[in-house]
Protein backbone atom coordinates (compact mmCIF):
# COMPACT_ATOMS: atom_id res chain seq x y z
CA MET A 1 -11.29 -34.82 -8.66
CA ASP A 2 -14.09 -33.00 -10.43
CA THR A 3 -12.96 -29.40 -11.03
CA PRO A 4 -15.72 -26.78 -10.70
CA TRP A 5 -14.75 -24.74 -13.79
CA LEU A 6 -15.69 -21.08 -14.04
CA ASP A 7 -18.71 -20.33 -16.19
CA ARG A 8 -18.54 -17.53 -18.79
CA ARG A 9 -19.92 -14.89 -16.40
CA GLN A 10 -17.42 -15.84 -13.68
CA LEU A 11 -14.59 -16.02 -16.21
CA ARG A 12 -15.40 -12.52 -17.53
CA ALA A 13 -15.24 -11.13 -13.98
CA TRP A 14 -12.03 -13.00 -13.13
CA ILE A 15 -10.20 -11.96 -16.31
CA ARG A 16 -11.12 -8.32 -15.72
CA LEU A 17 -9.92 -8.44 -12.10
CA ARG A 18 -6.72 -10.14 -13.27
CA ALA A 19 -6.17 -7.39 -15.86
CA VAL A 20 -6.67 -4.66 -13.22
CA LEU A 21 -4.22 -6.44 -10.90
CA GLU A 22 -1.67 -6.53 -13.73
CA LEU A 23 -2.12 -3.07 -15.25
CA LEU A 24 -2.82 -0.76 -12.29
CA PRO A 25 0.48 -1.33 -10.44
CA GLY A 26 2.43 -0.44 -13.58
CA VAL A 27 0.43 2.77 -14.08
CA LEU A 28 0.97 3.81 -10.46
CA ASP A 29 4.65 2.88 -10.55
CA ALA A 30 5.31 4.75 -13.82
CA GLN A 31 3.73 7.97 -12.53
CA LEU A 32 5.63 7.87 -9.23
CA ARG A 33 8.95 7.09 -10.95
CA ARG A 34 8.44 9.91 -13.44
CA ASP A 35 7.18 12.55 -11.01
CA ALA A 36 8.87 11.67 -7.71
CA GLY A 37 11.74 9.30 -8.49
CA LEU A 38 10.13 6.59 -6.35
CA THR A 39 8.76 3.16 -7.05
CA GLU A 40 5.20 2.55 -5.90
CA PHE A 41 6.50 0.30 -3.11
CA GLU A 42 9.02 2.93 -1.98
CA TYR A 43 6.23 5.52 -1.88
CA TYR A 44 3.96 3.17 0.05
CA THR A 45 6.74 2.48 2.55
CA LEU A 46 7.29 6.21 3.10
CA ALA A 47 3.53 6.82 3.27
CA MET A 48 3.09 4.17 5.99
CA LEU A 49 5.82 5.87 8.02
CA SER A 50 4.23 9.28 7.41
CA GLU A 51 1.00 8.07 9.06
CA ALA A 52 2.72 6.49 12.08
CA PRO A 53 3.19 8.22 15.44
CA ASP A 54 6.46 10.19 15.32
CA ARG A 55 6.71 8.91 11.70
CA THR A 56 8.40 5.83 13.17
CA LEU A 57 7.64 2.10 13.03
CA ARG A 58 9.47 -1.06 13.99
CA MET A 59 10.78 -2.77 10.90
CA THR A 60 8.58 -5.80 11.62
CA GLU A 61 5.48 -3.57 11.83
CA LEU A 62 6.47 -1.70 8.67
CA ALA A 63 6.87 -5.06 6.90
CA ARG A 64 3.40 -6.06 8.08
CA GLN A 65 1.86 -2.78 6.98
CA THR A 66 3.45 -2.95 3.54
CA ASN A 67 2.85 -6.71 3.22
CA ALA A 68 6.54 -7.25 2.55
CA THR A 69 9.01 -9.82 3.72
CA LEU A 70 11.69 -8.45 6.04
CA PRO A 71 14.44 -9.10 3.45
CA ARG A 72 12.52 -7.21 0.73
CA LEU A 73 11.70 -4.35 3.09
CA SER A 74 15.29 -4.21 4.35
CA HIS A 75 16.55 -3.87 0.78
CA VAL A 76 14.11 -1.02 0.05
CA VAL A 77 14.84 0.68 3.39
CA THR A 78 18.57 0.55 2.62
CA ARG A 79 17.90 2.32 -0.70
CA LEU A 80 15.67 4.94 0.92
CA GLU A 81 18.15 5.41 3.77
CA GLY A 82 20.91 6.00 1.23
CA ARG A 83 18.80 8.77 -0.28
CA GLY A 84 18.27 10.35 3.15
CA LEU A 85 14.50 9.71 3.13
CA LEU A 86 14.45 7.55 6.24
CA GLU A 87 16.77 6.32 8.93
CA ARG A 88 17.10 3.16 10.97
CA LEU A 89 17.70 3.36 14.67
CA PRO A 90 17.52 1.04 17.67
CA CYS A 91 14.10 0.62 19.22
CA PRO A 92 14.14 2.21 22.69
CA ASP A 93 11.66 -0.39 24.03
CA ASP A 94 13.47 -3.47 22.67
CA ARG A 95 17.20 -3.41 21.99
CA ARG A 96 16.81 -6.37 19.62
CA ALA A 97 14.42 -4.45 17.36
CA ILE A 98 15.14 -1.78 14.76
CA ASN A 99 12.91 1.16 13.98
CA ALA A 100 12.55 2.99 10.70
CA ARG A 101 11.87 6.73 10.94
CA LEU A 102 10.93 9.11 8.17
CA THR A 103 13.39 11.99 7.94
CA ASP A 104 12.40 15.57 7.19
CA ASP A 105 13.53 14.97 3.58
CA GLY A 106 11.39 11.83 3.50
CA TRP A 107 8.37 13.75 4.77
CA ALA A 108 9.00 16.41 2.09
CA LYS A 109 9.21 13.64 -0.54
CA VAL A 110 5.87 12.15 0.57
CA ARG A 111 4.25 15.60 0.46
CA GLN A 112 5.74 16.21 -3.00
CA ALA A 113 4.67 12.80 -4.37
CA ALA A 114 1.19 12.55 -2.84
CA PRO A 115 -0.68 15.00 -5.09
CA GLY A 116 0.41 13.34 -8.34
CA HIS A 117 -0.26 9.89 -6.91
CA THR A 118 -3.74 10.99 -5.82
CA VAL A 119 -4.47 12.44 -9.27
CA THR A 120 -3.38 9.14 -10.85
CA VAL A 121 -5.54 7.06 -8.49
CA ARG A 122 -8.48 9.35 -9.17
CA ARG A 123 -7.97 9.29 -12.93
CA HIS A 124 -7.61 5.54 -13.29
CA VAL A 125 -9.90 4.27 -10.52
CA VAL A 126 -12.07 6.69 -8.55
CA ASP A 127 -13.29 9.05 -11.27
CA VAL A 128 -14.25 6.26 -13.68
CA LEU A 129 -16.66 4.80 -11.12
CA THR A 130 -20.01 6.07 -9.87
CA ASP A 131 -20.57 6.57 -6.14
CA GLU A 132 -22.56 3.32 -6.16
CA GLN A 133 -19.68 1.50 -7.85
CA ILE A 134 -17.22 2.88 -5.26
CA ASP A 135 -19.42 1.37 -2.53
CA GLN A 136 -19.64 -1.88 -4.51
CA LEU A 137 -15.86 -1.96 -4.92
CA THR A 138 -15.51 -1.59 -1.13
CA ALA A 139 -17.96 -4.46 -0.60
CA ILE A 140 -16.17 -6.60 -3.20
CA GLY A 141 -12.85 -5.88 -1.52
CA ASP A 142 -14.33 -6.81 1.87
CA ALA A 143 -15.68 -10.10 0.52
CA ILE A 144 -12.36 -11.09 -1.07
CA LEU A 145 -10.35 -9.96 1.96
CA ALA A 146 -12.58 -12.04 4.24
CA GLU A 147 -11.36 -15.10 2.33
CA LEU A 148 -7.73 -14.00 1.96
CA ASP A 149 -7.40 -12.78 5.56
CA PRO A 150 -9.95 -14.78 7.58
CA SER A 151 -8.28 -13.96 10.90
CA ARG A 152 -8.41 -10.27 9.93
CA THR A 153 -4.77 -9.76 10.91
CA GLY A 154 -4.50 -6.97 8.36
CA ALA A 155 -7.92 -5.46 9.03
CA ALA A 156 -6.52 -2.42 10.81
CA LEU A 157 -4.68 -1.54 7.60
CA TYR A 158 -7.51 -1.90 5.13
CA THR A 159 -10.27 -0.54 7.36
CA ARG A 160 -8.39 2.43 8.85
CA TYR A 161 -10.43 4.91 6.81
CA ASP A 162 -13.81 3.34 7.57
CA GLU A 163 -14.63 5.61 10.50
CA THR A 164 -16.23 8.90 9.59
CA PRO A 165 -14.39 11.92 11.00
CA GLY A 166 -16.02 14.14 13.60
């Protein structure tokens, strides 16, 4: 098989993307641990619940929205439940399913953590880019996601802010 190796231009782009994928999660995680006592994944889990109707989602839907396996999500939910930030309860529509619901303490934790997280995202991503680069980053993300998610099963998650309000 003849491998189509990356040329220098492609390699420069790939290595930079790889570095961002490696470094950014650690920066986000460190800030959230320091300021809110949450991992980035715990915060994201709580944030997904905070945006859901009644701050409640089926565990399978929460796993889909956080791109987690059910075992990984269950482990994190157990930790968050132990801290009183969410609760599990039977799904009223399907007795076989379990829902996760953000508690009042969980909602307070999201509201406490969100400003620092936003400042960190701005500092390390948004504010270092021009408006044109922000649009380019969206287009780059769309192009890569079209390959990674050709059936667009996750599209509702990564396009939910595409509509302009009003």
